[in-house]
N, C-alpha and C. Protein backbone atom coordinates (compact mmCIF):
# COMPACT_ATOMS: atom_id res chain seq x y z
N MET A 1 88.28 73.89 58.15
CA MET A 1 88.80 74.67 59.28
C MET A 1 89.89 73.90 60.02
N SER A 2 90.84 74.65 60.56
CA SER A 2 91.87 74.03 61.38
C SER A 2 91.61 74.38 62.84
N THR A 3 92.01 73.48 63.71
CA THR A 3 91.78 73.67 65.14
C THR A 3 92.86 74.58 65.72
N VAL A 4 92.44 75.65 66.40
CA VAL A 4 93.38 76.57 67.04
C VAL A 4 93.57 76.19 68.51
N ILE A 5 92.47 75.85 69.19
CA ILE A 5 92.53 75.48 70.60
C ILE A 5 91.89 74.13 70.81
N GLU A 6 92.59 73.26 71.49
CA GLU A 6 92.02 71.99 71.92
C GLU A 6 92.43 71.73 73.36
N MET A 7 91.46 71.80 74.25
CA MET A 7 91.68 71.53 75.67
C MET A 7 90.98 70.23 76.01
N LYS A 8 91.69 69.36 76.72
CA LYS A 8 91.14 68.05 77.06
C LYS A 8 91.24 67.82 78.57
N ASN A 9 90.09 67.68 79.21
CA ASN A 9 90.01 67.29 80.62
C ASN A 9 90.89 68.14 81.54
N ILE A 10 90.76 69.45 81.38
CA ILE A 10 91.54 70.38 82.21
C ILE A 10 90.95 70.46 83.61
N CYS A 11 91.78 70.26 84.60
CA CYS A 11 91.37 70.39 86.00
C CYS A 11 92.26 71.40 86.71
N LYS A 12 91.65 72.18 87.60
CA LYS A 12 92.41 73.16 88.37
C LYS A 12 91.78 73.30 89.74
N SER A 13 92.62 73.20 90.77
CA SER A 13 92.18 73.38 92.15
C SER A 13 93.08 74.39 92.84
N TYR A 14 92.53 75.05 93.83
CA TYR A 14 93.30 75.95 94.68
C TYR A 14 93.21 75.47 96.12
N GLN A 15 94.31 75.58 96.84
CA GLN A 15 94.33 75.17 98.23
C GLN A 15 93.80 76.29 99.11
N MET A 16 92.74 76.01 99.85
CA MET A 16 92.15 76.98 100.78
C MET A 16 92.29 76.42 102.18
N GLY A 17 93.39 76.79 102.85
CA GLY A 17 93.67 76.20 104.15
C GLY A 17 93.96 74.73 104.01
N SER A 18 93.17 73.91 104.69
CA SER A 18 93.37 72.46 104.62
C SER A 18 92.54 71.82 103.52
N GLU A 19 91.70 72.63 102.84
CA GLU A 19 90.82 72.09 101.81
C GLU A 19 91.30 72.44 100.41
N SER A 20 91.01 71.54 99.47
CA SER A 20 91.32 71.77 98.07
C SER A 20 90.01 72.14 97.35
N LEU A 21 89.96 73.34 96.78
CA LEU A 21 88.76 73.83 96.13
C LEU A 21 88.88 73.63 94.63
N LYS A 22 88.01 72.79 94.06
CA LYS A 22 88.05 72.51 92.62
C LYS A 22 87.40 73.66 91.85
N ILE A 23 88.15 74.29 90.96
CA ILE A 23 87.65 75.42 90.19
C ILE A 23 87.24 74.99 88.78
N LEU A 24 88.08 74.19 88.12
CA LEU A 24 87.75 73.64 86.80
C LEU A 24 87.71 72.13 86.90
N LYS A 25 86.63 71.54 86.34
CA LYS A 25 86.38 70.11 86.51
C LYS A 25 86.29 69.43 85.14
N ASP A 26 87.39 68.83 84.72
CA ASP A 26 87.43 68.09 83.45
C ASP A 26 86.89 68.92 82.29
N VAL A 27 87.42 70.12 82.15
CA VAL A 27 86.98 71.04 81.09
C VAL A 27 87.61 70.64 79.76
N SER A 28 86.78 70.48 78.75
CA SER A 28 87.25 70.23 77.39
C SER A 28 86.64 71.27 76.47
N LEU A 29 87.46 71.84 75.60
CA LEU A 29 87.00 72.92 74.71
C LEU A 29 87.80 72.87 73.42
N THR A 30 87.09 72.98 72.30
CA THR A 30 87.73 73.05 70.99
C THR A 30 87.27 74.32 70.29
N VAL A 31 88.21 75.07 69.74
CA VAL A 31 87.91 76.28 68.99
C VAL A 31 88.61 76.19 67.65
N GLU A 32 87.84 76.37 66.59
CA GLU A 32 88.39 76.31 65.24
C GLU A 32 88.85 77.69 64.77
N LYS A 33 89.76 77.71 63.84
CA LYS A 33 90.26 78.96 63.28
C LYS A 33 89.10 79.76 62.69
N GLY A 34 89.03 81.05 63.04
CA GLY A 34 87.99 81.92 62.52
C GLY A 34 86.71 81.94 63.33
N GLU A 35 86.64 81.16 64.39
CA GLU A 35 85.43 81.16 65.22
C GLU A 35 85.39 82.39 66.13
N TYR A 36 84.18 82.74 66.54
CA TYR A 36 83.94 83.81 67.52
C TYR A 36 83.12 83.16 68.63
N VAL A 37 83.79 82.87 69.74
CA VAL A 37 83.20 82.10 70.83
C VAL A 37 83.10 82.97 72.08
N ALA A 38 81.92 82.93 72.73
CA ALA A 38 81.75 83.59 74.03
C ALA A 38 81.71 82.52 75.11
N ILE A 39 82.51 82.74 76.16
CA ILE A 39 82.44 81.88 77.34
C ILE A 39 81.68 82.67 78.40
N LEU A 40 80.49 82.18 78.72
CA LEU A 40 79.53 82.90 79.55
C LEU A 40 79.40 82.26 80.92
N GLY A 41 79.49 83.08 81.96
CA GLY A 41 79.31 82.54 83.30
C GLY A 41 79.25 83.62 84.34
N PRO A 42 78.56 83.37 85.44
CA PRO A 42 78.48 84.35 86.52
C PRO A 42 79.77 84.42 87.33
N SER A 43 79.84 85.38 88.22
CA SER A 43 80.99 85.50 89.11
C SER A 43 81.13 84.21 89.92
N GLY A 44 82.36 83.72 90.02
CA GLY A 44 82.61 82.51 90.79
C GLY A 44 82.40 81.22 90.04
N SER A 45 82.09 81.31 88.74
CA SER A 45 81.81 80.11 87.94
C SER A 45 83.08 79.40 87.48
N GLY A 46 84.19 80.12 87.50
CA GLY A 46 85.45 79.55 87.00
C GLY A 46 85.88 80.16 85.68
N LYS A 47 85.13 81.14 85.17
CA LYS A 47 85.46 81.68 83.84
C LYS A 47 86.78 82.44 83.83
N SER A 48 87.09 83.15 84.92
CA SER A 48 88.37 83.87 84.96
C SER A 48 89.54 82.88 85.02
N THR A 49 89.36 81.82 85.76
CA THR A 49 90.39 80.78 85.82
C THR A 49 90.58 80.14 84.45
N LEU A 50 89.47 79.86 83.78
CA LEU A 50 89.57 79.28 82.43
C LEU A 50 90.26 80.24 81.48
N MET A 51 89.94 81.53 81.58
CA MET A 51 90.61 82.51 80.74
C MET A 51 92.12 82.49 80.99
N ASN A 52 92.52 82.39 82.26
CA ASN A 52 93.95 82.34 82.57
C ASN A 52 94.61 81.10 81.98
N MET A 53 93.88 79.99 81.91
CA MET A 53 94.42 78.78 81.30
C MET A 53 94.56 78.95 79.79
N ILE A 54 93.50 79.49 79.16
CA ILE A 54 93.56 79.70 77.71
C ILE A 54 94.69 80.66 77.36
N GLY A 55 94.87 81.70 78.20
CA GLY A 55 95.91 82.69 77.95
C GLY A 55 97.29 82.30 78.42
N CYS A 56 97.44 81.07 78.92
CA CYS A 56 98.74 80.56 79.39
C CYS A 56 99.30 81.43 80.52
N MET A 57 98.40 81.99 81.34
CA MET A 57 98.81 82.83 82.45
C MET A 57 98.83 82.08 83.78
N ASP A 58 98.37 80.85 83.77
CA ASP A 58 98.36 80.04 84.98
C ASP A 58 98.49 78.58 84.57
N HIS A 59 98.94 77.76 85.49
CA HIS A 59 99.13 76.34 85.21
C HIS A 59 97.92 75.54 85.69
N PHE A 60 97.54 74.52 84.95
CA PHE A 60 96.47 73.64 85.39
C PHE A 60 97.07 72.39 86.02
N ASP A 61 96.25 71.68 86.78
CA ASP A 61 96.74 70.52 87.53
C ASP A 61 96.88 69.29 86.65
N SER A 62 95.92 69.11 85.74
CA SER A 62 95.95 67.93 84.87
C SER A 62 95.18 68.23 83.60
N GLY A 63 95.40 67.41 82.58
CA GLY A 63 94.76 67.61 81.29
C GLY A 63 95.77 68.00 80.22
N GLU A 64 95.26 68.23 79.02
CA GLU A 64 96.11 68.61 77.89
C GLU A 64 95.55 69.86 77.22
N TYR A 65 96.45 70.70 76.73
CA TYR A 65 96.04 71.92 76.04
C TYR A 65 96.97 72.13 74.86
N PHE A 66 96.38 72.16 73.66
CA PHE A 66 97.12 72.45 72.44
C PHE A 66 96.65 73.79 71.88
N LEU A 67 97.57 74.70 71.66
CA LEU A 67 97.28 76.00 71.06
C LEU A 67 98.09 76.11 69.78
N ASN A 68 97.37 76.14 68.64
CA ASN A 68 98.06 76.16 67.35
C ASN A 68 99.05 75.00 67.25
N ASP A 69 98.63 73.85 67.72
CA ASP A 69 99.42 72.60 67.71
C ASP A 69 100.60 72.62 68.67
N ILE A 70 100.70 73.64 69.50
CA ILE A 70 101.75 73.68 70.53
C ILE A 70 101.21 73.02 71.79
N ALA A 71 101.95 72.09 72.34
CA ALA A 71 101.53 71.39 73.56
C ALA A 71 101.83 72.27 74.77
N ILE A 72 100.85 73.05 75.18
CA ILE A 72 101.03 73.98 76.30
C ILE A 72 101.34 73.23 77.59
N HIS A 73 100.75 72.08 77.77
CA HIS A 73 100.95 71.31 79.01
C HIS A 73 102.38 70.82 79.16
N ASP A 74 103.14 70.81 78.08
CA ASP A 74 104.55 70.38 78.14
C ASP A 74 105.53 71.54 78.01
N ALA A 75 105.02 72.76 77.81
CA ALA A 75 105.88 73.90 77.53
C ALA A 75 106.56 74.44 78.80
N LYS A 76 107.82 74.83 78.66
CA LYS A 76 108.55 75.46 79.76
C LYS A 76 108.16 76.94 79.84
N GLU A 77 108.46 77.54 80.97
CA GLU A 77 108.03 78.93 81.20
C GLU A 77 108.60 79.89 80.16
N LYS A 78 109.84 79.70 79.74
CA LYS A 78 110.42 80.61 78.75
C LYS A 78 109.70 80.49 77.41
N HIS A 79 109.21 79.29 77.11
CA HIS A 79 108.43 79.11 75.88
C HIS A 79 107.04 79.71 76.04
N LEU A 80 106.48 79.64 77.25
CA LEU A 80 105.17 80.23 77.49
C LEU A 80 105.21 81.75 77.33
N ASN A 81 106.32 82.37 77.70
CA ASN A 81 106.47 83.82 77.49
C ASN A 81 106.37 84.16 76.01
N ARG A 82 107.01 83.37 75.17
CA ARG A 82 106.96 83.60 73.73
C ARG A 82 105.55 83.35 73.20
N ILE A 83 104.91 82.30 73.70
CA ILE A 83 103.55 81.97 73.26
C ILE A 83 102.58 83.09 73.62
N ARG A 84 102.69 83.61 74.85
CA ARG A 84 101.82 84.73 75.26
C ARG A 84 102.03 85.95 74.39
N ASN A 85 103.26 86.17 73.97
CA ASN A 85 103.57 87.34 73.16
C ASN A 85 103.16 87.19 71.70
N GLN A 86 103.29 85.97 71.17
CA GLN A 86 103.11 85.78 69.72
C GLN A 86 101.80 85.11 69.33
N GLU A 87 101.24 84.28 70.19
CA GLU A 87 100.08 83.49 69.81
C GLU A 87 98.76 84.06 70.34
N ILE A 88 98.82 84.94 71.35
CA ILE A 88 97.61 85.41 72.01
C ILE A 88 97.60 86.93 72.05
N GLY A 89 96.49 87.52 71.61
CA GLY A 89 96.29 88.96 71.74
C GLY A 89 95.32 89.22 72.87
N PHE A 90 95.78 89.84 73.94
CA PHE A 90 94.96 90.04 75.13
C PHE A 90 94.22 91.38 75.07
N ILE A 91 92.92 91.35 75.39
CA ILE A 91 92.11 92.56 75.48
C ILE A 91 91.41 92.52 76.84
N PHE A 92 91.75 93.46 77.70
CA PHE A 92 91.26 93.44 79.08
C PHE A 92 90.17 94.48 79.31
N GLN A 93 89.35 94.24 80.33
CA GLN A 93 88.27 95.15 80.68
C GLN A 93 88.79 96.54 81.00
N LYS A 94 89.91 96.61 81.73
CA LYS A 94 90.44 97.90 82.16
C LYS A 94 91.64 98.33 81.31
N TYR A 95 91.71 97.80 80.10
CA TYR A 95 92.62 98.23 79.04
C TYR A 95 94.09 97.86 79.30
N HIS A 96 94.60 98.09 80.54
CA HIS A 96 96.00 97.78 80.88
C HIS A 96 96.98 98.51 79.97
N LEU A 97 96.70 99.76 79.69
CA LEU A 97 97.64 100.59 78.92
C LEU A 97 98.65 101.21 79.87
N ILE A 98 99.84 101.50 79.36
CA ILE A 98 100.87 102.15 80.16
C ILE A 98 100.64 103.66 80.09
N PRO A 99 100.30 104.30 81.20
CA PRO A 99 99.86 105.70 81.16
C PRO A 99 100.90 106.68 80.67
N THR A 100 102.18 106.38 80.87
CA THR A 100 103.24 107.30 80.45
C THR A 100 103.64 107.12 78.98
N TYR A 101 103.12 106.09 78.34
CA TYR A 101 103.41 105.83 76.94
C TYR A 101 102.36 106.52 76.06
N THR A 102 102.76 106.86 74.85
CA THR A 102 101.80 107.35 73.86
C THR A 102 100.96 106.18 73.35
N VAL A 103 99.92 106.51 72.61
CA VAL A 103 99.11 105.48 71.97
C VAL A 103 99.98 104.58 71.09
N LEU A 104 100.83 105.19 70.28
CA LEU A 104 101.70 104.42 69.39
C LEU A 104 102.61 103.49 70.20
N GLN A 105 103.23 104.00 71.25
CA GLN A 105 104.13 103.19 72.05
C GLN A 105 103.40 102.02 72.69
N ASN A 106 102.17 102.24 73.15
CA ASN A 106 101.38 101.16 73.72
C ASN A 106 101.08 100.09 72.68
N ILE A 107 100.73 100.53 71.48
CA ILE A 107 100.32 99.58 70.44
C ILE A 107 101.49 98.70 69.99
N VAL A 108 102.66 99.31 69.80
CA VAL A 108 103.78 98.54 69.23
C VAL A 108 104.56 97.76 70.28
N MET A 109 104.21 97.91 71.55
CA MET A 109 104.99 97.27 72.61
C MET A 109 105.20 95.77 72.41
N PRO A 110 104.16 94.98 72.01
CA PRO A 110 104.41 93.54 71.81
C PRO A 110 105.46 93.25 70.73
N LEU A 111 105.52 94.12 69.72
CA LEU A 111 106.51 93.92 68.66
C LEU A 111 107.92 94.29 69.13
N LEU A 112 108.00 95.34 69.95
CA LEU A 112 109.31 95.75 70.47
C LEU A 112 109.88 94.68 71.40
N THR A 113 109.00 94.02 72.18
CA THR A 113 109.49 92.98 73.07
C THR A 113 109.99 91.75 72.31
N ARG A 114 109.63 91.66 71.03
CA ARG A 114 110.16 90.59 70.18
C ARG A 114 111.51 90.96 69.59
N GLY A 115 111.93 92.20 69.83
CA GLY A 115 113.21 92.64 69.30
C GLY A 115 113.12 93.42 68.00
N GLU A 116 111.89 93.75 67.57
CA GLU A 116 111.72 94.52 66.34
C GLU A 116 112.07 95.99 66.60
N THR A 117 112.45 96.71 65.55
CA THR A 117 112.77 98.13 65.68
C THR A 117 111.48 98.95 65.73
N LEU A 118 111.57 100.14 66.32
CA LEU A 118 110.41 101.02 66.41
C LEU A 118 109.94 101.42 65.02
N ALA A 119 110.88 101.67 64.11
CA ALA A 119 110.51 102.07 62.75
C ALA A 119 109.72 100.97 62.06
N TRP A 120 110.19 99.73 62.19
CA TRP A 120 109.49 98.60 61.56
C TRP A 120 108.13 98.40 62.20
N ALA A 121 108.08 98.46 63.54
CA ALA A 121 106.82 98.24 64.25
C ALA A 121 105.80 99.32 63.91
N THR A 122 106.26 100.56 63.78
CA THR A 122 105.36 101.67 63.45
C THR A 122 104.74 101.46 62.07
N GLU A 123 105.56 101.03 61.13
CA GLU A 123 105.08 100.75 59.78
C GLU A 123 104.09 99.58 59.80
N GLU A 124 104.40 98.59 60.60
CA GLU A 124 103.60 97.38 60.67
C GLU A 124 102.19 97.65 61.22
N CYS A 125 102.05 98.64 62.10
CA CYS A 125 100.76 98.87 62.75
C CYS A 125 99.91 99.92 62.04
N GLN A 126 100.40 100.49 60.95
CA GLN A 126 99.67 101.57 60.29
C GLN A 126 98.28 101.15 59.84
N GLU A 127 98.17 100.01 59.21
CA GLU A 127 96.87 99.56 58.71
C GLU A 127 95.90 99.32 59.86
N THR A 128 96.41 98.74 60.96
CA THR A 128 95.56 98.47 62.11
C THR A 128 95.06 99.75 62.75
N THR A 129 95.94 100.73 62.95
CA THR A 129 95.52 101.98 63.59
C THR A 129 94.53 102.74 62.71
N LYS A 130 94.71 102.64 61.41
CA LYS A 130 93.77 103.30 60.50
C LYS A 130 92.40 102.64 60.57
N MET A 131 92.38 101.31 60.58
CA MET A 131 91.13 100.58 60.64
C MET A 131 90.36 100.91 61.92
N LEU A 132 91.09 101.12 63.01
CA LEU A 132 90.46 101.39 64.31
C LEU A 132 90.24 102.88 64.57
N GLY A 133 90.56 103.72 63.58
CA GLY A 133 90.33 105.15 63.72
C GLY A 133 91.24 105.83 64.72
N LEU A 134 92.46 105.35 64.84
CA LEU A 134 93.40 105.88 65.83
C LEU A 134 94.54 106.69 65.21
N GLU A 135 94.54 106.83 63.88
CA GLU A 135 95.70 107.44 63.22
C GLU A 135 95.96 108.88 63.67
N ASP A 136 94.92 109.58 64.17
CA ASP A 136 95.10 110.95 64.64
C ASP A 136 95.33 111.02 66.15
N ARG A 137 95.48 109.87 66.79
CA ARG A 137 95.63 109.83 68.26
C ARG A 137 96.96 109.22 68.68
N LEU A 138 97.84 108.95 67.74
CA LEU A 138 99.04 108.17 68.06
C LEU A 138 99.99 108.85 69.04
N SER A 139 99.98 110.18 69.09
CA SER A 139 100.88 110.90 69.99
C SER A 139 100.23 111.23 71.33
N HIS A 140 98.96 110.86 71.49
CA HIS A 140 98.26 111.13 72.75
C HIS A 140 98.63 110.12 73.83
N ARG A 141 98.41 110.49 75.09
CA ARG A 141 98.53 109.58 76.21
C ARG A 141 97.15 108.98 76.50
N PRO A 142 97.09 107.81 77.14
CA PRO A 142 95.79 107.19 77.44
C PRO A 142 94.83 108.11 78.19
N SER A 143 95.35 108.94 79.08
CA SER A 143 94.49 109.83 79.87
C SER A 143 93.79 110.88 79.02
N GLU A 144 94.26 111.07 77.81
CA GLU A 144 93.65 112.05 76.90
C GLU A 144 92.58 111.42 76.00
N LEU A 145 92.31 110.14 76.21
CA LEU A 145 91.36 109.41 75.38
C LEU A 145 90.11 109.04 76.16
N SER A 146 89.02 108.84 75.45
CA SER A 146 87.80 108.31 76.07
C SER A 146 87.99 106.82 76.34
N GLY A 147 87.05 106.25 77.11
CA GLY A 147 87.13 104.82 77.40
C GLY A 147 87.07 103.98 76.13
N GLY A 148 86.20 104.37 75.20
CA GLY A 148 86.10 103.63 73.95
C GLY A 148 87.38 103.69 73.14
N GLN A 149 88.02 104.87 73.13
CA GLN A 149 89.29 105.02 72.40
C GLN A 149 90.39 104.19 73.06
N GLN A 150 90.41 104.16 74.40
CA GLN A 150 91.41 103.36 75.10
C GLN A 150 91.22 101.88 74.79
N GLN A 151 89.97 101.43 74.70
CA GLN A 151 89.73 100.03 74.36
C GLN A 151 90.17 99.74 72.93
N ARG A 152 90.01 100.70 72.03
CA ARG A 152 90.49 100.53 70.65
C ARG A 152 92.01 100.41 70.62
N VAL A 153 92.68 101.17 71.47
CA VAL A 153 94.14 101.06 71.57
C VAL A 153 94.52 99.66 72.05
N ALA A 154 93.79 99.17 73.05
CA ALA A 154 94.06 97.83 73.57
C ALA A 154 93.82 96.76 72.49
N ILE A 155 92.78 96.97 71.68
CA ILE A 155 92.50 96.03 70.60
C ILE A 155 93.61 96.09 69.54
N ALA A 156 94.06 97.31 69.22
CA ALA A 156 95.15 97.46 68.25
C ALA A 156 96.41 96.78 68.74
N ARG A 157 96.72 96.95 70.01
CA ARG A 157 97.90 96.30 70.61
C ARG A 157 97.79 94.78 70.50
N ALA A 158 96.58 94.26 70.70
CA ALA A 158 96.37 92.81 70.61
C ALA A 158 96.53 92.31 69.18
N LEU A 159 96.17 93.15 68.22
CA LEU A 159 96.15 92.73 66.81
C LEU A 159 97.51 92.77 66.13
N VAL A 160 98.38 93.71 66.54
CA VAL A 160 99.57 93.98 65.72
C VAL A 160 100.50 92.78 65.55
N GLY A 161 100.49 91.90 66.51
CA GLY A 161 101.38 90.75 66.40
C GLY A 161 100.81 89.59 65.61
N ASN A 162 99.62 89.78 65.03
CA ASN A 162 98.96 88.74 64.24
C ASN A 162 98.85 87.44 65.03
N PRO A 163 98.19 87.49 66.20
CA PRO A 163 98.12 86.31 67.07
C PRO A 163 97.15 85.25 66.54
N ALA A 164 97.28 84.04 67.06
CA ALA A 164 96.37 82.96 66.68
C ALA A 164 94.96 83.24 67.19
N ILE A 165 94.86 83.82 68.39
CA ILE A 165 93.55 84.14 68.98
C ILE A 165 93.57 85.52 69.61
N LEU A 166 92.41 86.17 69.62
CA LEU A 166 92.17 87.35 70.43
C LEU A 166 91.38 86.89 71.65
N LEU A 167 91.91 87.14 72.84
CA LEU A 167 91.29 86.72 74.08
C LEU A 167 90.82 87.96 74.82
N ALA A 168 89.49 88.15 74.88
CA ALA A 168 88.91 89.38 75.41
C ALA A 168 88.20 89.09 76.73
N ASP A 169 88.62 89.77 77.78
CA ASP A 169 88.05 89.59 79.12
C ASP A 169 87.09 90.73 79.41
N GLU A 170 85.78 90.45 79.41
CA GLU A 170 84.76 91.48 79.69
C GLU A 170 85.09 92.78 78.95
N PRO A 171 85.23 92.75 77.62
CA PRO A 171 85.76 93.89 76.87
C PRO A 171 84.88 95.14 76.91
N THR A 172 83.60 94.99 77.27
CA THR A 172 82.71 96.16 77.33
C THR A 172 82.37 96.53 78.77
N GLY A 173 82.96 95.85 79.73
CA GLY A 173 82.58 96.02 81.13
C GLY A 173 82.80 97.41 81.69
N ALA A 174 83.79 98.13 81.16
CA ALA A 174 84.09 99.47 81.68
C ALA A 174 83.53 100.57 80.79
N LEU A 175 82.68 100.20 79.82
CA LEU A 175 82.19 101.16 78.84
C LEU A 175 80.70 101.40 79.01
N ASP A 176 80.24 102.59 78.58
CA ASP A 176 78.80 102.84 78.55
C ASP A 176 78.17 101.99 77.44
N GLN A 177 76.85 101.91 77.44
CA GLN A 177 76.16 100.99 76.54
C GLN A 177 76.45 101.27 75.07
N GLN A 178 76.40 102.53 74.68
CA GLN A 178 76.63 102.86 73.26
C GLN A 178 78.05 102.52 72.83
N THR A 179 79.02 102.90 73.66
CA THR A 179 80.42 102.61 73.32
C THR A 179 80.67 101.11 73.33
N GLY A 180 80.02 100.41 74.26
CA GLY A 180 80.13 98.95 74.29
C GLY A 180 79.62 98.31 73.02
N GLN A 181 78.51 98.83 72.51
CA GLN A 181 77.96 98.31 71.25
C GLN A 181 78.91 98.57 70.09
N GLU A 182 79.59 99.72 70.11
CA GLU A 182 80.55 100.03 69.05
C GLU A 182 81.73 99.06 69.09
N VAL A 183 82.19 98.73 70.30
CA VAL A 183 83.30 97.79 70.44
C VAL A 183 82.87 96.40 69.98
N LEU A 184 81.65 95.98 70.32
CA LEU A 184 81.16 94.68 69.88
C LEU A 184 81.01 94.62 68.36
N ALA A 185 80.59 95.73 67.76
CA ALA A 185 80.51 95.79 66.30
C ALA A 185 81.90 95.66 65.69
N LEU A 186 82.89 96.24 66.36
CA LEU A 186 84.27 96.13 65.90
C LEU A 186 84.76 94.69 65.99
N PHE A 187 84.40 94.00 67.07
CA PHE A 187 84.76 92.59 67.20
C PHE A 187 84.18 91.78 66.04
N LYS A 188 82.93 92.06 65.69
CA LYS A 188 82.29 91.37 64.59
C LYS A 188 83.06 91.61 63.29
N LYS A 189 83.48 92.85 63.09
CA LYS A 189 84.26 93.19 61.90
C LYS A 189 85.58 92.43 61.87
N LEU A 190 86.24 92.37 63.02
CA LEU A 190 87.52 91.66 63.11
C LEU A 190 87.32 90.17 62.83
N ASN A 191 86.22 89.61 63.34
CA ASN A 191 85.94 88.21 63.09
C ASN A 191 85.65 87.97 61.61
N ASP A 192 84.93 88.89 60.99
CA ASP A 192 84.65 88.77 59.55
C ASP A 192 85.93 88.81 58.73
N LEU A 193 86.96 89.47 59.27
CA LEU A 193 88.25 89.54 58.59
C LEU A 193 89.10 88.28 58.83
N GLY A 194 88.56 87.36 59.65
CA GLY A 194 89.24 86.08 59.85
C GLY A 194 89.87 85.87 61.21
N ASN A 195 89.74 86.86 62.10
CA ASN A 195 90.33 86.71 63.43
C ASN A 195 89.53 85.74 64.29
N THR A 196 90.23 84.89 65.02
CA THR A 196 89.62 83.99 65.98
C THR A 196 89.48 84.72 67.31
N ILE A 197 88.25 84.79 67.83
CA ILE A 197 87.99 85.57 69.04
C ILE A 197 87.36 84.69 70.11
N ILE A 198 87.91 84.78 71.31
CA ILE A 198 87.30 84.15 72.48
C ILE A 198 87.01 85.26 73.48
N MET A 199 85.75 85.44 73.81
CA MET A 199 85.32 86.52 74.69
C MET A 199 84.76 85.94 75.99
N ILE A 200 85.28 86.43 77.10
CA ILE A 200 84.82 86.01 78.42
C ILE A 200 83.83 87.07 78.92
N THR A 201 82.64 86.64 79.34
CA THR A 201 81.66 87.63 79.79
C THR A 201 80.66 86.99 80.76
N HIS A 202 80.04 87.85 81.58
CA HIS A 202 78.96 87.41 82.45
C HIS A 202 77.60 87.82 81.89
N ASP A 203 77.61 88.57 80.78
CA ASP A 203 76.42 89.22 80.24
C ASP A 203 75.91 88.46 79.01
N LEU A 204 74.72 87.89 79.10
CA LEU A 204 74.16 87.13 77.99
C LEU A 204 74.00 87.99 76.74
N LYS A 205 73.59 89.24 76.90
CA LYS A 205 73.39 90.11 75.74
C LYS A 205 74.70 90.35 75.00
N VAL A 206 75.78 90.44 75.75
CA VAL A 206 77.11 90.58 75.14
C VAL A 206 77.50 89.27 74.46
N ALA A 207 77.28 88.16 75.15
CA ALA A 207 77.64 86.85 74.61
C ALA A 207 76.92 86.55 73.30
N GLU A 208 75.71 87.06 73.16
CA GLU A 208 74.91 86.78 71.96
C GLU A 208 75.48 87.42 70.70
N HIS A 209 76.46 88.31 70.85
CA HIS A 209 77.13 88.88 69.68
C HIS A 209 78.10 87.88 69.06
N ALA A 210 78.49 86.87 69.82
CA ALA A 210 79.38 85.82 69.29
C ALA A 210 78.56 84.84 68.45
N ASP A 211 79.25 84.00 67.71
CA ASP A 211 78.59 82.99 66.89
C ASP A 211 78.28 81.72 67.67
N ARG A 212 78.95 81.58 68.81
CA ARG A 212 78.80 80.36 69.60
C ARG A 212 78.98 80.70 71.07
N ILE A 213 78.10 80.15 71.91
CA ILE A 213 78.19 80.40 73.35
C ILE A 213 78.50 79.10 74.07
N VAL A 214 79.49 79.18 74.97
CA VAL A 214 79.81 78.08 75.86
C VAL A 214 79.60 78.59 77.28
N ARG A 215 78.76 77.92 78.05
CA ARG A 215 78.50 78.35 79.42
C ARG A 215 79.41 77.61 80.38
N ILE A 216 79.86 78.32 81.41
CA ILE A 216 80.61 77.68 82.48
C ILE A 216 79.84 77.87 83.77
N ILE A 217 79.54 76.76 84.43
CA ILE A 217 78.77 76.76 85.67
C ILE A 217 79.48 75.84 86.66
N ASP A 218 79.88 76.42 87.79
CA ASP A 218 80.58 75.65 88.83
C ASP A 218 81.74 74.84 88.27
N GLY A 219 82.49 75.47 87.35
CA GLY A 219 83.70 74.83 86.85
C GLY A 219 83.51 73.82 85.76
N GLU A 220 82.28 73.68 85.26
CA GLU A 220 81.99 72.74 84.17
C GLU A 220 81.46 73.50 82.95
N LEU A 221 81.82 73.01 81.75
CA LEU A 221 81.39 73.67 80.52
C LEU A 221 80.16 72.98 79.95
N PHE A 222 79.26 73.83 79.42
CA PHE A 222 78.05 73.36 78.75
C PHE A 222 77.90 74.12 77.45
N GLU A 223 77.74 73.39 76.35
CA GLU A 223 77.71 74.01 75.02
C GLU A 223 76.29 74.49 74.71
N ASP A 224 76.17 75.79 74.39
CA ASP A 224 74.90 76.35 73.94
C ASP A 224 74.69 76.13 72.45
N GLY A 225 75.78 76.16 71.72
CA GLY A 225 75.68 76.03 70.27
C GLY A 225 75.74 77.38 69.59
N MET A 226 75.28 77.42 68.35
CA MET A 226 75.35 78.63 67.55
C MET A 226 74.28 79.62 68.00
N THR A 227 74.61 80.91 67.95
CA THR A 227 73.67 81.94 68.37
C THR A 227 72.86 82.47 67.21
N ALA A 228 73.32 82.27 65.99
CA ALA A 228 72.61 82.81 64.83
C ALA A 228 71.82 81.71 64.12
């Protein structure tokens, strides 16, 4: 296996008035290619901040972070924009779809921002949309879809750019139990196909669908190990 993520002694604090509040405390994390890892923690544990660091959406105060051998801690903002677009597939709890766009337009958006043509991007996403059962929904708007279908669109959008990792933030949080189970089964299928998945969750039952659980408590990581 090759290492996709290597974080070393990541620290992050926020200034609250005259006080500095430590959110992440010497966090170190390694994720190998093809792993399915759940980062589990309650509200206020630092898991959202850690997700932002993994997703290159926020800067940390100290430490080192390598993503696919790219030194994130040394990267300039313009390079981070490219990394977010090409190396990370984001899947959010509330989908973050553009309501005025069709399903197809939402899915191919990451490819279009790279400068690809709509025709090429449409061809490129055909296999993904078929696998996710969206081929008959491509002309629909998000408001015409169920929550589970909208999450599938978000997953398709994350997949089309062939990212190094899929980063999922509470991916079942807005779904009913049955639909949530269907999405988790889909994640398992994607992992079996070789996708590296990092899932952020507060729910142990959701985390147990991953192959490995890492707990975050008061800004510190604790390894649970393999779940199977």
